[in-house]
Amino acid sequence: MMTRLPLSLALVSLAVTGCAFQDNIQSGTDDPCATLQNIVADYPTEFEAFRKGGTNFRSLTIYRAKEELIRGHCEVWAWGNGDSAYVCTVGAPDLDVANARYHQAVEKVKGCLGPEWQSEEKERERDGEAAGTVTLFQHEGKNPPVVSVHRVEDRSSQSVYLYIGSSGRKL
């Protein structure tokens, strides 16, 4: 049985500095590790149990998440080809806060998933340019989903993403 880490604010509370940002980041669930494991288990049904109130776009429907690892920051994305992802996104005021949130999120996700999940950190790239860092978690001997935590640099903004879905999608 895997060991669960206590999670004070949320699975991906992502907060270390910046009081205004920390106040806005709260868990949307009482047991983030159990919620994460349930979300991963629901991948084969395209996260159907976690969907509510969708908005349709040309090739994508975005649903609000019924259970949110980070209150107010999680969605289920469903593409028309049967592919879907559970995604949580949190902005950061600067690179230092983004890095701190990213590293904290990686450690918490690692603790929730357990030792049968292997992790690998890589540099992100967009259009041939450096665009942050990603840690990918994959289950030994198990097909998708992957779980990943991304620190994304996009021009002058910083974000941290939690992604659960197909390994073929790139954020």
Protein backbone atom coordinates (compact mmCIF):
# COMPACT_ATOMS: atom_id res chain seq x y z
CA MET A 1 0.00 0.00 0.00
CA MET A 2 1.31 3.42 -0.78
CA THR A 3 2.08 6.10 1.75
CA ARG A 4 0.11 9.32 1.53
CA LEU A 5 1.64 12.66 2.36
CA PRO A 6 -0.42 15.10 4.40
CA LEU A 7 -1.56 17.95 2.20
CA SER A 8 -2.20 21.18 4.01
CA LEU A 9 -3.87 23.35 1.39
CA ALA A 10 -4.33 21.07 -1.61
CA LEU A 11 -2.63 18.42 -3.64
CA VAL A 12 -1.14 21.16 -5.70
CA SER A 13 -1.46 24.08 -3.34
CA LEU A 14 1.51 25.46 -5.24
CA ALA A 15 1.84 28.33 -2.79
CA VAL A 16 5.04 29.35 -1.09
CA THR A 17 5.31 33.10 -1.38
CA GLY A 18 2.99 35.91 -2.33
CA CYS A 19 0.23 36.14 0.28
CA ALA A 20 -2.45 37.32 -2.14
CA PHE A 21 -1.81 34.35 -4.40
CA GLN A 22 -1.63 31.90 -1.50
CA ASP A 23 -5.03 33.06 -0.19
CA ASN A 24 -6.63 32.29 -3.56
CA ILE A 25 -5.30 28.72 -3.81
CA GLN A 26 -7.31 26.21 -1.82
CA SER A 27 -8.19 22.57 -2.14
CA GLY A 28 -11.58 21.71 -3.53
CA THR A 29 -11.55 18.30 -1.82
CA ASP A 30 -11.03 16.95 1.69
CA ASP A 31 -8.65 14.19 0.54
CA PRO A 32 -6.60 15.38 -2.45
CA CYS A 33 -4.61 12.13 -2.73
CA ALA A 34 -7.77 10.02 -2.94
CA THR A 35 -9.26 12.49 -5.43
CA LEU A 36 -6.12 12.32 -7.59
CA GLN A 37 -6.22 8.53 -7.55
CA ASN A 38 -9.94 8.55 -8.45
CA ILE A 39 -9.32 10.96 -11.33
CA VAL A 40 -6.53 8.73 -12.67
CA ALA A 41 -8.80 5.68 -12.36
CA ASP A 42 -11.57 7.50 -14.30
CA TYR A 43 -9.34 8.16 -17.32
CA PRO A 44 -10.78 5.22 -19.35
CA THR A 45 -14.25 6.83 -19.16
CA GLU A 46 -12.83 10.21 -20.26
CA PHE A 47 -13.27 11.58 -16.71
CA GLU A 48 -17.05 11.33 -17.05
CA ALA A 49 -17.55 11.18 -13.28
CA PHE A 50 -15.71 14.51 -12.91
CA ARG A 51 -17.55 16.53 -15.59
CA LYS A 52 -20.22 19.18 -15.09
CA GLY A 53 -21.48 22.08 -17.18
CA GLY A 54 -19.56 21.99 -20.46
CA THR A 55 -18.86 24.70 -23.02
CA ASN A 56 -18.54 23.51 -26.63
CA PHE A 57 -15.90 24.83 -28.98
CA ARG A 58 -15.10 23.71 -32.53
CA SER A 59 -13.08 20.59 -31.64
CA LEU A 60 -13.10 20.73 -27.85
CA THR A 61 -15.58 20.77 -24.99
CA ILE A 62 -14.38 22.21 -21.69
CA TYR A 63 -16.22 21.02 -18.58
CA ARG A 64 -15.98 22.42 -15.09
CA ALA A 65 -14.64 19.76 -12.76
CA LYS A 66 -17.06 18.31 -10.18
CA GLU A 67 -14.15 17.68 -7.82
CA GLU A 68 -11.26 20.11 -7.97
CA LEU A 69 -7.80 19.44 -6.68
CA ILE A 70 -7.40 23.24 -6.67
CA ARG A 71 -10.68 25.06 -6.04
CA GLY A 72 -11.69 27.16 -9.04
CA HIS A 73 -8.74 26.12 -11.19
CA CYS A 74 -9.62 22.69 -12.67
CA GLU A 75 -11.40 21.57 -15.83
CA VAL A 76 -11.93 18.48 -17.96
CA TRP A 77 -11.04 18.99 -21.61
CA ALA A 78 -12.70 16.60 -24.09
CA TRP A 79 -11.66 16.55 -27.74
CA GLY A 80 -13.95 15.15 -30.43
CA ASN A 81 -11.71 12.13 -31.02
CA GLY A 82 -12.44 10.52 -27.64
CA ASP A 83 -9.35 11.97 -25.97
CA SER A 84 -9.71 13.87 -22.71
CA ALA A 85 -7.66 15.43 -19.93
CA TYR A 86 -8.16 16.70 -16.38
CA VAL A 87 -6.24 19.96 -16.04
CA CYS A 88 -5.63 22.43 -13.22
CA THR A 89 -3.91 25.76 -13.92
CA VAL A 90 -2.53 28.33 -11.49
CA GLY A 91 -0.73 31.54 -12.44
CA ALA A 92 2.30 32.92 -10.64
CA PRO A 93 3.42 36.54 -10.28
CA ASP A 94 7.05 35.77 -11.10
CA LEU A 95 9.57 33.04 -11.84
CA ASP A 96 10.54 32.48 -8.18
CA VAL A 97 6.93 31.81 -7.13
CA ALA A 98 6.35 29.64 -10.21
CA ASN A 99 9.45 27.56 -9.42
CA ALA A 100 8.47 27.14 -5.78
CA ARG A 101 4.90 26.13 -6.69
CA TYR A 102 6.17 23.74 -9.36
CA HIS A 103 8.61 21.94 -7.03
CA GLN A 104 6.05 21.72 -4.23
CA ALA A 105 3.46 20.31 -6.64
CA VAL A 106 5.89 17.70 -7.98
CA GLU A 107 6.68 16.46 -4.47
CA LYS A 108 3.02 16.27 -3.48
CA VAL A 109 1.98 14.47 -6.66
CA LYS A 110 4.87 12.04 -6.22
CA GLY A 111 3.73 11.31 -2.65
CA CYS A 112 0.13 10.73 -3.72
CA LEU A 113 0.90 8.49 -6.68
CA GLY A 114 3.37 6.24 -4.89
CA PRO A 115 6.50 4.32 -5.87
CA GLU A 116 4.97 2.39 -8.78
CA TRP A 117 4.89 5.67 -10.72
CA GLN A 118 8.20 6.67 -12.32
CA SER A 119 9.00 10.35 -12.81
CA GLU A 120 11.21 12.20 -15.24
CA GLU A 121 11.90 15.93 -15.37
CA LYS A 122 12.46 17.57 -18.75
CA GLU A 123 12.75 21.03 -20.19
CA ARG A 124 9.65 22.28 -22.03
CA GLU A 125 10.00 23.72 -25.49
CA ARG A 126 7.60 25.75 -27.62
CA ASP A 127 8.44 26.76 -31.19
CA GLY A 128 12.11 25.88 -30.61
CA GLU A 129 12.37 28.13 -27.55
CA ALA A 130 12.74 27.21 -23.87
CA ALA A 131 9.30 27.32 -22.24
CA GLY A 132 9.74 25.99 -18.70
CA THR A 133 9.99 22.58 -17.09
CA VAL A 134 7.80 19.48 -16.86
CA THR A 135 7.85 16.41 -14.62
CA LEU A 136 6.11 13.41 -16.17
CA PHE A 137 4.78 10.56 -14.04
CA GLN A 138 4.08 7.21 -15.71
CA HIS A 139 2.84 4.01 -14.12
CA GLU A 140 5.01 0.91 -14.55
CA GLY A 141 3.39 -1.50 -16.99
CA LYS A 142 0.23 0.55 -17.31
CA ASN A 143 -1.07 2.42 -20.33
CA PRO A 144 -2.18 6.04 -20.13
CA PRO A 145 -2.88 8.31 -18.47
CA VAL A 146 0.24 10.19 -17.65
CA VAL A 147 0.24 12.67 -14.81
CA SER A 148 2.45 15.70 -15.27
CA VAL A 149 3.27 18.96 -13.56
CA HIS A 150 4.36 21.82 -15.81
CA ARG A 151 6.02 25.14 -15.06
CA VAL A 152 5.24 27.17 -18.13
CA GLU A 153 6.97 30.35 -19.25
CA ASP A 154 4.95 32.22 -21.84
CA ARG A 155 6.49 35.57 -22.71
CA SER A 156 6.28 37.48 -19.43
CA SER A 157 3.78 35.24 -17.62
CA GLN A 158 4.32 32.18 -15.47
CA SER A 159 1.89 29.31 -14.83
CA VAL A 160 1.88 25.89 -13.20
CA TYR A 161 -0.29 23.12 -14.64
CA LEU A 162 -1.34 19.73 -13.35
CA TYR A 163 -2.26 17.50 -16.31
CA ILE A 164 -3.81 14.02 -16.27
CA GLY A 165 -4.41 12.52 -19.68
CA SER A 166 -2.87 11.15 -22.86
CA SER A 167 0.89 11.28 -23.25
CA GLY A 168 0.34 12.58 -26.79
CA ARG A 169 -1.03 15.95 -25.67
CA LYS A 170 1.33 18.82 -24.97
CA LEU A 171 0.37 21.86 -22.94
